């Protein structure tokens, strides 16, 4: 899959970001993601996601719904006014990237439980290509690392692998991801885009 194809898949979502340099950084990171991210279902079993996410391109659709939930909430004065424009941009970036290495790198057959840590490491390794400051990278990665919320223990080893969300930004990203995975959510798509 070409970089342009990857970038075009999130064209609507890039426009939620106000700061042009952050938009450019997001485009850089999206173009580096493995091809499988853009084609696989949100989960291999279909157990924890709604119908729209259990199809081809389901992970992209799940991601788009999480981003749209964030966008709507961040534009609601009662909820969004507590976040700065920079924080809003980083939230959108975190949600677009949060499952970027869901099957690991190189690609494995099943979801990697530690995928939040893998994508965080991937962003840090690629940070020299970005305009984000070290502090912005850390904030972005902390939201991604904690997006699983209370589910921090690997189901096979029973060991705690992931950090829990502690900050308001981390909890907000988890909430949007969590809501987009609920089976009662019924979102209609036209191709890759959410129908309004």
Protein backbone atom coordinates (compact mmCIF):
# COMPACT_ATOMS: atom_id res chain seq x y z
CA UNK A 1 0.00 0.00 0.00
CA UNK A 2 1.41 3.39 -0.96
CA UNK A 3 1.93 6.23 1.49
CA UNK A 4 -0.63 8.30 -0.40
CA UNK A 5 -3.27 5.59 -0.01
CA UNK A 6 -2.59 5.42 3.73
CA UNK A 7 -2.72 9.19 4.10
CA UNK A 8 -5.94 9.53 2.08
CA UNK A 9 -7.70 7.05 4.33
CA UNK A 10 -7.53 9.58 7.19
CA UNK A 11 -7.99 12.75 5.15
CA UNK A 12 -11.10 13.86 7.08
CA UNK A 13 -9.50 13.17 10.46
CA UNK A 14 -6.31 15.15 9.67
CA UNK A 15 -8.48 18.19 9.23
CA UNK A 16 -9.59 17.99 12.87
CA UNK A 17 -6.05 19.03 13.81
CA UNK A 18 -5.55 22.79 13.96
CA UNK A 19 -1.74 23.02 14.07
CA UNK A 20 -0.20 22.44 10.62
CA UNK A 21 3.08 21.04 11.96
CA UNK A 22 1.22 18.44 14.04
CA UNK A 23 -0.84 17.55 10.98
CA UNK A 24 2.42 17.05 9.04
CA UNK A 25 3.84 14.90 11.85
CA UNK A 26 0.71 12.76 11.88
CA UNK A 27 0.92 12.28 8.11
CA UNK A 28 4.55 11.21 8.51
CA UNK A 29 3.66 8.64 11.20
CA UNK A 30 0.61 7.29 9.35
CA UNK A 31 2.69 6.74 6.21
CA UNK A 32 5.14 4.63 8.27
CA UNK A 33 2.49 2.28 9.70
CA UNK A 34 2.44 -1.29 8.41
CA UNK A 35 0.01 -2.09 5.60
CA UNK A 36 -1.99 -4.53 7.74
CA UNK A 37 -3.30 -1.69 9.93
CA UNK A 38 -5.31 -0.42 6.97
CA UNK A 39 -6.89 -3.76 6.02
CA UNK A 40 -7.54 -5.92 9.09
CA UNK A 41 -10.64 -6.12 11.27
CA UNK A 42 -10.49 -4.41 14.67
CA UNK A 43 -10.20 -7.77 16.46
CA UNK A 44 -9.42 -11.28 15.28
CA UNK A 45 -12.34 -12.81 17.20
CA UNK A 46 -14.99 -10.12 16.70
CA UNK A 47 -15.84 -10.54 20.36
CA UNK A 48 -15.24 -7.02 21.63
CA UNK A 49 -16.18 -4.71 18.77
CA UNK A 50 -19.35 -3.67 16.90
CA UNK A 51 -20.30 -5.08 13.51
CA UNK A 52 -18.74 -2.28 11.44
CA UNK A 53 -15.35 -2.98 13.03
CA UNK A 54 -15.40 -6.73 12.34
CA UNK A 55 -15.00 -6.42 8.60
CA UNK A 56 -12.15 -5.73 6.21
CA UNK A 57 -10.74 -2.29 7.14
CA UNK A 58 -12.49 -2.68 10.51
CA UNK A 59 -9.52 -1.39 12.49
CA UNK A 60 -9.51 1.81 10.42
CA UNK A 61 -13.26 2.16 10.98
CA UNK A 62 -12.91 1.59 14.74
CA UNK A 63 -10.16 4.22 14.77
CA UNK A 64 -12.27 6.71 12.81
CA UNK A 65 -15.20 6.26 15.21
CA UNK A 66 -12.95 6.82 18.25
CA UNK A 67 -11.59 9.98 16.60
CA UNK A 68 -15.09 11.20 15.71
CA UNK A 69 -16.29 10.67 19.28
CA UNK A 70 -13.32 12.74 20.49
CA UNK A 71 -13.94 15.43 17.88
CA UNK A 72 -17.60 15.81 18.85
CA UNK A 73 -16.81 15.93 22.58
CA UNK A 74 -13.89 18.33 22.16
CA UNK A 75 -16.13 20.70 20.21
CA UNK A 76 -18.75 20.61 22.95
CA UNK A 77 -18.05 23.69 25.08
CA UNK A 78 -18.99 21.97 28.34
CA UNK A 79 -16.49 19.15 27.77
CA UNK A 80 -13.90 20.53 25.37
CA UNK A 81 -13.22 23.87 27.03
CA UNK A 82 -10.99 22.26 29.65
CA UNK A 83 -8.47 21.20 26.98
CA UNK A 84 -6.07 23.53 25.17
CA UNK A 85 -5.83 23.49 21.37
CA UNK A 86 -2.49 21.70 21.65
CA UNK A 87 -4.02 19.03 23.89
CA UNK A 88 -6.94 18.59 21.47
CA UNK A 89 -4.53 18.07 18.57
CA UNK A 90 -2.49 15.53 20.56
CA UNK A 91 -5.68 13.67 21.56
CA UNK A 92 -6.71 13.33 17.91
CA UNK A 93 -3.19 12.18 17.00
CA UNK A 94 -3.18 9.62 19.83
CA UNK A 95 -6.51 8.16 18.76
CA UNK A 96 -5.50 7.86 15.11
CA UNK A 97 -2.26 6.09 16.07
CA UNK A 98 -3.34 4.09 19.16
CA UNK A 99 -3.78 0.71 17.39
CA UNK A 100 -1.19 1.30 14.67
CA UNK A 101 0.87 -1.77 15.63
CA UNK A 102 -1.98 -3.96 16.88
CA UNK A 103 -0.42 -7.11 15.37
CA UNK A 104 3.12 -6.08 16.23
CA UNK A 105 6.07 -5.35 13.97
CA UNK A 106 6.75 -7.54 12.11
CA UNK A 107 3.12 -8.62 11.77
CA UNK A 108 1.99 -11.52 13.93
CA UNK A 109 -1.17 -13.62 13.66
CA UNK A 110 -2.97 -12.27 16.73
CA UNK A 111 -3.30 -8.99 18.60
CA UNK A 112 -0.27 -8.14 20.69
CA UNK A 113 -1.48 -7.29 24.18
CA UNK A 114 1.43 -4.87 24.52
CA UNK A 115 0.55 -3.05 21.27
CA UNK A 116 0.13 0.30 23.12
CA UNK A 117 3.77 0.07 24.21
CA UNK A 118 4.91 -1.04 20.75
CA UNK A 119 3.35 1.93 18.98
CA UNK A 120 4.68 4.29 21.66
CA UNK A 121 8.21 2.94 21.09
CA UNK A 122 7.67 3.25 17.32
CA UNK A 123 6.72 6.94 17.68
CA UNK A 124 9.71 7.64 19.93
CA UNK A 125 12.05 5.91 17.46
CA UNK A 126 10.64 8.02 14.62
CA UNK A 127 10.53 11.27 16.62
CA UNK A 128 13.67 12.69 14.91
CA UNK A 129 11.50 12.89 11.74
CA UNK A 130 8.89 14.99 13.59
CA UNK A 131 8.52 18.61 14.64
CA UNK A 132 6.90 17.65 17.97
CA UNK A 133 8.91 18.61 21.03
CA UNK A 134 10.18 15.89 23.38
CA UNK A 135 7.44 16.87 25.86
CA UNK A 136 4.73 16.63 23.19
CA UNK A 137 6.00 13.20 22.12
CA UNK A 138 5.91 12.07 25.75
CA UNK A 139 2.34 13.35 26.21
CA UNK A 140 1.23 11.70 22.96
CA UNK A 141 2.85 8.40 23.87
CA UNK A 142 1.46 8.43 27.41
CA UNK A 143 -2.09 8.68 26.03
CA UNK A 144 -1.44 5.78 23.67
CA UNK A 145 0.27 3.61 26.31
CA UNK A 146 -2.76 3.92 28.62
CA UNK A 147 -5.57 3.63 26.06
CA UNK A 148 -6.56 0.17 27.31
CA UNK A 149 -7.80 1.66 30.58
CA UNK A 150 -8.37 -0.91 33.31
CA UNK A 151 -7.26 -3.81 31.10
CA UNK A 152 -3.59 -3.78 32.01
CA UNK A 153 -2.90 -7.49 32.62
CA UNK A 154 -1.88 -9.84 29.83
CA UNK A 155 -4.66 -12.49 29.75
CA UNK A 156 -2.13 -15.30 29.19
CA UNK A 157 0.62 -14.45 31.64
CA UNK A 158 -1.69 -12.60 34.11
CA UNK A 159 1.12 -10.06 34.54
CA UNK A 160 0.47 -6.34 34.55
CA UNK A 161 1.95 -5.05 31.32
CA UNK A 162 0.24 -1.74 30.61
CA UNK A 163 -0.05 1.43 32.69
CA UNK A 164 -3.49 2.64 33.76
CA UNK A 165 -4.65 6.10 32.71
CA UNK A 166 -4.00 8.69 35.41
CA UNK A 167 -4.28 12.08 33.73
CA UNK A 168 -7.37 13.70 32.28
CA UNK A 169 -5.88 13.41 28.77
CA UNK A 170 -5.18 9.70 29.22
CA UNK A 171 -8.68 9.02 30.57
CA UNK A 172 -10.26 10.96 27.71
CA UNK A 173 -8.41 8.92 25.05
CA UNK A 174 -9.35 5.68 26.82
CA UNK A 175 -13.00 6.77 26.98
CA UNK A 176 -13.17 7.49 23.25
CA UNK A 177 -11.50 4.19 22.36
CA UNK A 178 -13.73 2.31 24.81
CA UNK A 179 -16.94 3.84 23.45
CA UNK A 180 -15.96 3.10 19.85
CA UNK A 181 -15.57 -0.58 20.74
CA UNK A 182 -19.02 -1.02 22.29
CA UNK A 183 -21.32 -3.37 20.39
CA UNK A 184 -24.35 -1.08 20.72
CA UNK A 185 -22.60 1.58 18.62
CA UNK A 186 -23.98 1.42 15.09
CA UNK A 187 -22.08 3.69 12.72
CA UNK A 188 -22.70 3.70 9.01
CA UNK A 189 -19.84 4.12 6.57
CA UNK A 190 -19.60 5.21 2.97
CA UNK A 191 -16.39 3.50 1.94
CA UNK A 192 -13.88 4.52 4.62
CA UNK A 193 -15.77 7.60 5.76
CA UNK A 194 -18.42 7.92 8.45
CA UNK A 195 -21.80 8.92 7.06
CA UNK A 196 -22.98 12.16 8.65
